[in-house]
C-alpha cells in the first residue's frame, strides 16, 4: 500500500488535522516532515495514499490550512510525484 504525507504551515494546523481526521475514524500518524520535502523542522500526517482525496475534502471543509499532499516513494522505487501543492 502506498503512503503519503500532508504538510501544514504550522504545528497548530497539523494537530487540528489530526484531531479532525481521527475523530472521523481514520488511522493516521504524526511524523517528522521527510527531509526531501522540507528542510524546516515540523510534523506532518502520514496517510494511506488511496485516502488522500477524502482526507483533503475533510480538511478543506474543516478549515484546516495545508501546504501540500505528497506521495512517499516506496522502498527501492523512485518518487512518482505529488498530488497537491499550495
Protein backbone atom coordinates (compact mmCIF):
# COMPACT_ATOMS: atom_id res chain seq x y z
CA UNK A 1 0.00 0.00 0.00
CA UNK A 2 1.33 3.41 -0.94
CA UNK A 3 1.68 6.11 1.67
CA UNK A 4 1.81 9.88 1.51
CA UNK A 5 2.12 12.87 3.79
CA UNK A 6 0.11 16.01 4.30
CA UNK A 7 2.20 19.09 5.09
CA UNK A 8 0.97 22.08 7.07
CA UNK A 9 2.12 25.70 7.52
CA UNK A 10 2.41 25.21 11.31
CA UNK A 11 2.16 22.60 14.04
CA UNK A 12 -1.16 24.16 15.05
CA UNK A 13 -2.76 23.04 11.78
CA UNK A 14 -1.14 19.59 11.97
CA UNK A 15 -2.63 18.99 15.42
CA UNK A 16 -6.00 20.36 14.32
CA UNK A 17 -5.94 18.00 11.31
CA UNK A 18 -5.00 15.00 13.46
CA UNK A 19 -7.92 15.62 15.80
CA UNK A 20 -10.38 16.12 12.93
CA UNK A 21 -9.29 13.08 10.92
CA UNK A 22 -9.01 10.70 13.88
CA UNK A 23 -12.43 11.93 15.04
CA UNK A 24 -13.84 10.66 11.72
CA UNK A 25 -12.34 7.19 12.33
CA UNK A 26 -9.32 7.33 10.01
CA UNK A 27 -5.97 5.89 11.07
CA UNK A 28 -3.15 8.38 10.55
CA UNK A 29 0.13 9.16 12.31
CA UNK A 30 2.03 12.35 13.02
CA UNK A 31 5.63 12.05 11.84
CA UNK A 32 8.56 14.42 11.25
CA UNK A 33 8.45 16.04 7.82
CA UNK A 34 10.65 13.99 5.46
CA UNK A 35 13.90 15.80 4.68
CA UNK A 36 13.39 15.55 0.91
CA UNK A 37 10.18 17.62 1.23
CA UNK A 38 11.30 20.38 3.60
CA UNK A 39 14.39 21.44 5.49
CA UNK A 40 12.20 23.01 8.19
CA UNK A 41 11.57 21.20 11.41
CA UNK A 42 7.98 20.21 11.70
CA UNK A 43 5.45 17.44 11.69
CA UNK A 44 3.13 16.10 9.05
CA UNK A 45 0.42 13.47 8.75
CA UNK A 46 1.32 10.06 7.38
CA UNK A 47 -1.65 8.79 5.36
CA UNK A 48 -2.69 5.93 3.11
CA UNK A 49 -2.32 7.36 -0.40
CA UNK A 50 -5.68 5.96 -1.51
CA UNK A 51 -7.43 8.12 1.14
CA UNK A 52 -5.88 11.43 0.06
CA UNK A 53 -8.93 12.85 -1.70
CA UNK A 54 -11.36 12.22 1.15
CA UNK A 55 -8.85 13.49 3.72
CA UNK A 56 -8.25 16.63 1.66
CA UNK A 57 -12.01 17.20 1.50
CA UNK A 58 -12.36 16.76 5.27
CA UNK A 59 -9.54 19.23 5.94
CA UNK A 60 -10.90 21.76 3.48
CA UNK A 61 -14.39 21.53 4.99
CA UNK A 62 -12.89 21.81 8.49
CA UNK A 63 -10.96 24.96 7.61
CA UNK A 64 -7.53 23.38 8.14
CA UNK A 65 -4.78 25.01 6.05
CA UNK A 66 -2.38 22.67 4.29
CA UNK A 67 0.79 23.18 2.27
CA UNK A 68 0.61 20.05 0.18
CA UNK A 69 -0.03 16.34 -0.14
CA UNK A 70 2.92 14.27 -1.34
CA UNK A 71 3.37 10.66 -2.32
CA UNK A 72 6.20 8.94 -0.46
CA UNK A 73 8.48 6.72 -2.53
CA UNK A 74 8.26 3.01 -1.89
CA UNK A 75 11.48 1.35 -0.89
CA UNK A 76 13.67 0.84 -3.91
CA UNK A 77 11.37 2.80 -6.25
CA UNK A 78 11.63 6.42 -7.43
CA UNK A 79 9.14 9.01 -6.18
CA UNK A 80 6.22 9.43 -8.60
CA UNK A 81 5.33 12.99 -7.66
CA UNK A 82 2.89 14.99 -5.67
CA UNK A 83 -0.84 15.13 -5.77
CA UNK A 84 -1.46 18.61 -4.39
CA UNK A 85 0.78 21.51 -3.55
CA UNK A 86 -0.13 25.05 -2.45
